[in-house]
Amino acid sequence: MNKFFFLITLITCLAGCVASPPLDTTKDLFTHKNFNAPLGKHLEAETGNTIFLEGSFIDGEAIRISKPLDMMMPGNMFIPFPVHIDIGELRLTTISTPWKYYCADSGKAAASFPGLGSVIRSGDCVGIRISLDNNKPEWVVDNSNYNRSKTIWSMSMSSSEEQEFKPYPIKTPFKVQQLKKITFDGYYGNMIHFTFEDITPDGKETKQFTFDYSGKPVLVGIKGNQFIVHQADNVKMIYEWTKFDQR
């Protein structure tokens, strides 16, 4: 009877007996950018480029997984359980001092324990975490939703893994206080196309702007910002800033 009780206790702890980490804090990680492109100078942008960007935000990041990965993660009392990560991106999803968490998309990772089956639920994290203190990465399984209490398992990476699995920037910010940007969407149908985005913690305003273009320089304005389009085709645009919104 005592052995049976011990086994049940052990399985329960393997599913989650870990103290809660510190609360999230990102206030020192924001990048503050003021737009300061030169006035009166010809500039070049390819289709899809952002030509105006200002605000306070934390850059989005991802880590590429180029082949399926299988490993054994140490659980409670260092008893291992199998973890699988499929090909794809691990995107920065959480910053919880002192860690950044890069997690696989739903259905792209698995963690299980004999007798219990899958030990992750929607919102749990299987992937990599990187220390904010020393940039040291670890493999991680955060199955707090499955356990209904904060539960995190981690394992050190090898030197070769540290070199292979490094984060790179992506276009979508992780978090914004406020961000305004203008993207050149291309030239087609005898028109130049742009997208203006104003992103705040409360939501996002997106508006499309189109301007006639016949091959001659044309002055355009977007939300108080003005520039001359000197040349545009289906690959790039040559333009010149004349005024910025000073509000």
Protein backbone atom coordinates (compact mmCIF):
# COMPACT_ATOMS: atom_id res chain seq x y z
CA MET A 1 0.00 0.00 0.00
CA ASN A 2 2.85 2.36 0.85
CA LYS A 3 4.53 1.57 -2.48
CA PHE A 4 1.30 2.32 -4.35
CA PHE A 5 0.93 5.66 -2.54
CA PHE A 6 4.55 6.55 -3.34
CA LEU A 7 4.01 5.77 -7.05
CA ILE A 8 0.90 7.96 -7.25
CA THR A 9 2.74 10.80 -5.50
CA LEU A 10 5.71 10.45 -7.85
CA ILE A 11 3.53 10.57 -10.99
CA THR A 12 1.68 13.61 -9.64
CA CYS A 13 4.96 15.44 -9.01
CA LEU A 14 6.24 14.52 -12.45
CA ALA A 15 3.20 16.33 -13.79
CA GLY A 16 4.06 19.39 -11.73
CA CYS A 17 5.69 20.14 -8.40
CA VAL A 18 7.68 23.32 -9.05
CA ALA A 19 7.63 26.75 -7.42
CA SER A 20 6.20 29.71 -9.37
CA PRO A 21 8.68 31.95 -11.24
CA PRO A 22 8.78 35.75 -10.82
CA LEU A 23 6.09 37.90 -12.44
CA ASP A 24 6.50 39.09 -16.02
CA THR A 25 8.42 42.35 -16.45
CA THR A 26 9.35 43.91 -19.78
CA LYS A 27 9.70 47.61 -18.95
CA ASP A 28 13.48 47.68 -19.53
CA LEU A 29 13.31 45.79 -22.85
CA PHE A 30 11.43 48.32 -24.96
CA THR A 31 13.17 49.92 -27.93
CA HIS A 32 12.28 53.59 -28.39
CA LYS A 33 12.60 54.73 -32.02
CA ASN A 34 12.06 58.22 -33.38
CA PHE A 35 11.76 58.48 -37.15
CA ASN A 36 14.59 60.62 -38.52
CA ALA A 37 15.00 59.92 -42.23
CA PRO A 38 16.66 62.75 -44.17
CA LEU A 39 14.52 65.34 -45.90
CA GLY A 40 15.20 66.18 -49.54
CA LYS A 41 17.19 63.02 -50.33
CA HIS A 42 16.30 60.26 -52.81
CA LEU A 43 15.70 56.95 -51.01
CA GLU A 44 14.85 53.48 -52.29
CA ALA A 45 12.36 50.91 -50.95
CA GLU A 46 11.50 47.48 -52.30
CA THR A 47 7.93 46.18 -52.29
CA GLY A 48 7.05 45.12 -48.74
CA ASN A 49 9.58 47.45 -47.07
CA THR A 50 8.61 49.65 -44.14
CA ILE A 51 9.42 53.27 -45.03
CA PHE A 52 8.24 54.88 -41.77
CA LEU A 53 8.58 53.45 -38.25
CA GLU A 54 8.38 55.12 -34.85
CA GLY A 55 7.25 54.19 -31.35
CA SER A 56 8.16 52.06 -28.35
CA PHE A 57 8.14 48.30 -28.79
CA ILE A 58 9.88 45.00 -28.15
CA ASP A 59 11.02 43.34 -31.36
CA GLY A 60 9.50 40.00 -32.31
CA GLU A 61 11.93 37.07 -32.51
CA ALA A 62 11.91 33.45 -33.61
CA ILE A 63 14.18 30.40 -33.63
CA ARG A 64 14.19 28.07 -36.64
CA ILE A 65 13.86 24.32 -36.13
CA SER A 66 15.05 22.78 -39.41
CA LYS A 67 14.53 19.10 -38.54
CA PRO A 68 12.33 17.15 -36.08
CA LEU A 69 13.82 16.94 -32.59
CA ASP A 70 13.34 14.24 -29.97
CA MET A 71 14.83 14.40 -26.47
CA MET A 72 14.34 13.19 -22.92
CA MET A 73 13.59 16.02 -20.47
CA PRO A 74 14.50 15.51 -16.78
CA GLY A 75 11.35 15.59 -14.69
CA ASN A 76 10.83 15.41 -10.94
CA MET A 77 13.65 13.47 -9.23
CA PHE A 78 15.35 13.70 -12.67
CA ILE A 79 13.13 10.96 -14.09
CA PRO A 80 13.03 11.79 -17.83
CA PHE A 81 9.99 12.13 -20.08
CA PRO A 82 9.96 12.31 -23.92
CA VAL A 83 9.65 15.62 -25.75
CA HIS A 84 9.18 16.15 -29.49
CA ILE A 85 9.48 19.37 -31.51
CA ASP A 86 8.54 19.43 -35.19
CA ILE A 87 10.03 21.48 -38.03
CA GLY A 88 9.02 25.14 -37.88
CA GLU A 89 9.53 28.36 -35.93
CA LEU A 90 9.66 28.80 -32.18
CA ARG A 91 8.33 32.33 -31.70
CA LEU A 92 8.99 34.60 -28.73
CA THR A 93 5.75 34.28 -26.76
CA THR A 94 6.57 35.20 -23.15
CA ILE A 95 9.10 37.24 -21.20
CA SER A 96 9.16 36.15 -17.56
CA THR A 97 12.17 37.47 -15.66
CA PRO A 98 14.84 36.31 -16.14
CA TRP A 99 13.79 34.36 -19.26
CA LYS A 100 12.57 34.81 -22.82
CA TYR A 101 10.39 31.86 -23.93
CA TYR A 102 10.28 30.70 -27.57
CA CYS A 103 7.45 28.21 -28.05
CA ALA A 104 6.31 25.86 -30.79
CA ASP A 105 2.93 26.45 -32.43
CA SER A 106 0.02 24.30 -31.32
CA GLY A 107 0.31 20.82 -32.81
CA LYS A 108 4.03 21.24 -33.55
CA ALA A 109 5.32 19.82 -30.25
CA ALA A 110 4.52 17.08 -27.74
CA ALA A 111 5.47 15.99 -24.23
CA SER A 112 4.19 12.85 -22.53
CA PHE A 113 4.62 10.62 -19.50
CA PRO A 114 3.93 6.85 -19.27
CA GLY A 115 0.54 6.24 -17.77
CA LEU A 116 -0.57 9.83 -18.32
CA GLY A 117 -0.19 10.32 -22.06
CA SER A 118 0.20 13.93 -23.19
CA VAL A 119 1.09 16.32 -20.38
CA ILE A 120 0.58 19.60 -22.29
CA ARG A 121 -2.54 21.59 -23.06
CA SER A 122 -3.36 24.65 -25.14
CA GLY A 123 -1.23 27.59 -24.02
CA ASP A 124 1.59 25.45 -22.62
CA CYS A 125 5.09 25.96 -24.00
CA VAL A 126 7.47 23.43 -25.51
CA GLY A 127 10.62 24.97 -26.94
CA ILE A 128 13.58 27.07 -25.82
CA ARG A 129 14.12 29.72 -23.19
CA ILE A 130 17.04 32.19 -23.11
CA SER A 131 18.30 33.95 -19.99
CA LEU A 132 18.10 37.74 -19.97
CA ASP A 133 21.07 37.78 -17.59
CA ASN A 134 23.67 35.83 -19.58
CA ASN A 135 21.96 34.80 -22.87
CA LYS A 136 22.28 31.14 -21.85
CA PRO A 137 19.66 28.98 -23.65
CA GLU A 138 17.84 25.90 -22.36
CA TRP A 139 15.29 23.43 -23.69
CA VAL A 140 12.06 23.98 -21.78
CA VAL A 141 8.62 22.51 -21.15
CA ASP A 142 6.17 24.77 -19.33
CA ASN A 143 3.04 22.67 -18.78
CA SER A 144 1.40 24.94 -16.23
CA ASN A 145 -1.99 24.84 -17.97
CA TYR A 146 -2.01 21.05 -17.90
CA ASN A 147 -1.16 21.03 -14.18
CA ARG A 148 -3.27 24.08 -13.27
CA SER A 149 -0.28 25.50 -11.43
CA LYS A 150 3.05 26.96 -12.52
CA THR A 151 5.27 24.07 -13.64
CA ILE A 152 8.46 24.38 -15.65
CA TRP A 153 11.02 21.75 -16.67
CA SER A 154 14.30 22.66 -18.36
CA MET A 155 17.51 21.13 -19.68
CA SER A 156 20.85 22.66 -20.70
CA MET A 157 21.83 22.75 -24.36
CA SER A 158 25.03 21.38 -25.83
CA SER A 159 27.55 23.85 -27.29
CA SER A 160 26.61 22.83 -30.83
CA GLU A 161 22.89 23.32 -30.07
CA GLU A 162 23.60 26.79 -28.67
CA GLN A 163 25.25 27.72 -31.97
CA GLU A 164 22.51 26.17 -34.11
CA PHE A 165 19.41 27.49 -32.37
CA LYS A 166 19.78 31.28 -32.21
CA PRO A 167 16.94 33.82 -32.36
CA TYR A 168 16.48 36.15 -35.32
CA PRO A 169 14.16 39.18 -35.71
CA ILE A 170 10.74 38.93 -37.34
CA LYS A 171 8.47 41.71 -38.60
CA THR A 172 5.71 41.30 -36.02
CA PRO A 173 6.63 43.05 -32.72
CA PHE A 174 6.37 41.01 -29.53
CA LYS A 175 4.84 43.87 -27.57
CA VAL A 176 4.12 47.55 -28.21
CA GLN A 177 3.40 50.65 -26.16
CA GLN A 178 2.74 52.51 -29.39
CA LEU A 179 3.97 51.88 -32.92
CA LYS A 180 3.26 53.70 -36.16
CA LYS A 181 4.51 52.43 -39.50
CA ILE A 182 4.00 52.87 -43.23
CA THR A 183 4.67 49.97 -45.60
CA PHE A 184 5.15 50.23 -49.34
CA ASP A 185 2.86 47.52 -50.78
CA GLY A 186 3.86 47.94 -54.43
CA TYR A 187 2.87 49.52 -57.71
CA TYR A 188 0.14 47.91 -59.78
CA GLY A 189 -2.98 48.99 -61.66
CA ASN A 190 -1.34 52.38 -62.32
CA MET A 191 -1.45 53.07 -58.58
CA ILE A 192 1.02 53.13 -55.70
CA HIS A 193 -0.18 51.20 -52.65
CA PHE A 194 0.71 51.76 -48.97
CA THR A 195 -0.50 50.43 -45.60
CA PHE A 196 -0.54 52.63 -42.48
CA GLU A 197 -0.63 50.91 -39.07
CA ASP A 198 -1.06 52.53 -35.65
CA ILE A 199 -0.66 49.87 -32.95
CA THR A 200 -1.34 50.42 -29.23
CA PRO A 201 -1.97 48.02 -26.32
CA ASP A 202 -5.70 48.64 -26.90
CA GLY A 203 -5.74 47.61 -30.54
CA LYS A 204 -4.57 48.35 -34.05
CA GLU A 205 -5.73 50.84 -36.68
CA THR A 206 -4.93 49.77 -40.24
CA LYS A 207 -5.68 51.85 -43.31
CA GLN A 208 -4.84 51.35 -46.99
CA PHE A 209 -3.67 54.33 -49.08
CA THR A 210 -3.52 54.35 -52.89
CA PHE A 211 -2.29 57.12 -55.18
CA ASP A 212 -2.42 57.51 -58.96
CA TYR A 213 1.00 57.33 -60.59
CA SER A 214 1.63 57.99 -64.29
CA GLY A 215 5.41 57.89 -64.29
CA LYS A 216 5.91 61.52 -63.27
CA PRO A 217 6.89 62.61 -59.73
CA VAL A 218 3.87 62.86 -57.44
CA LEU A 219 3.51 64.28 -53.91
CA VAL A 220 1.60 62.02 -51.51
CA GLY A 221 0.59 62.41 -47.87
CA ILE A 222 -0.14 59.79 -45.20
CA LYS A 223 -1.29 60.91 -41.74
CA GLY A 224 0.61 64.20 -41.90
CA ASN A 225 3.74 62.70 -43.43
CA GLN A 226 4.53 63.79 -46.98
CA PHE A 227 6.94 62.49 -49.62
CA ILE A 228 7.48 62.63 -53.36
CA VAL A 229 7.42 59.41 -55.36
CA HIS A 230 9.93 59.87 -58.18
CA GLN A 231 9.81 56.38 -59.63
CA ALA A 232 7.82 53.20 -58.98
CA ASP A 233 7.51 49.79 -60.61
CA ASN A 234 6.53 46.27 -59.50
CA VAL A 235 9.86 45.85 -57.66
CA LYS A 236 10.82 49.11 -55.98
CA MET A 237 10.08 52.78 -55.37
CA ILE A 238 12.38 55.82 -55.33
CA TYR A 239 11.03 58.54 -53.04
CA GLU A 240 11.97 61.70 -51.14
CA TRP A 241 10.64 62.86 -47.76
CA THR A 242 9.43 66.48 -47.60
CA LYS A 243 7.56 66.65 -44.25
CA PHE A 244 7.01 64.61 -41.08
CA ASP A 245 4.05 64.74 -38.72
CA GLN A 246 5.31 66.61 -35.64
CA ARG A 247 2.41 65.71 -33.33
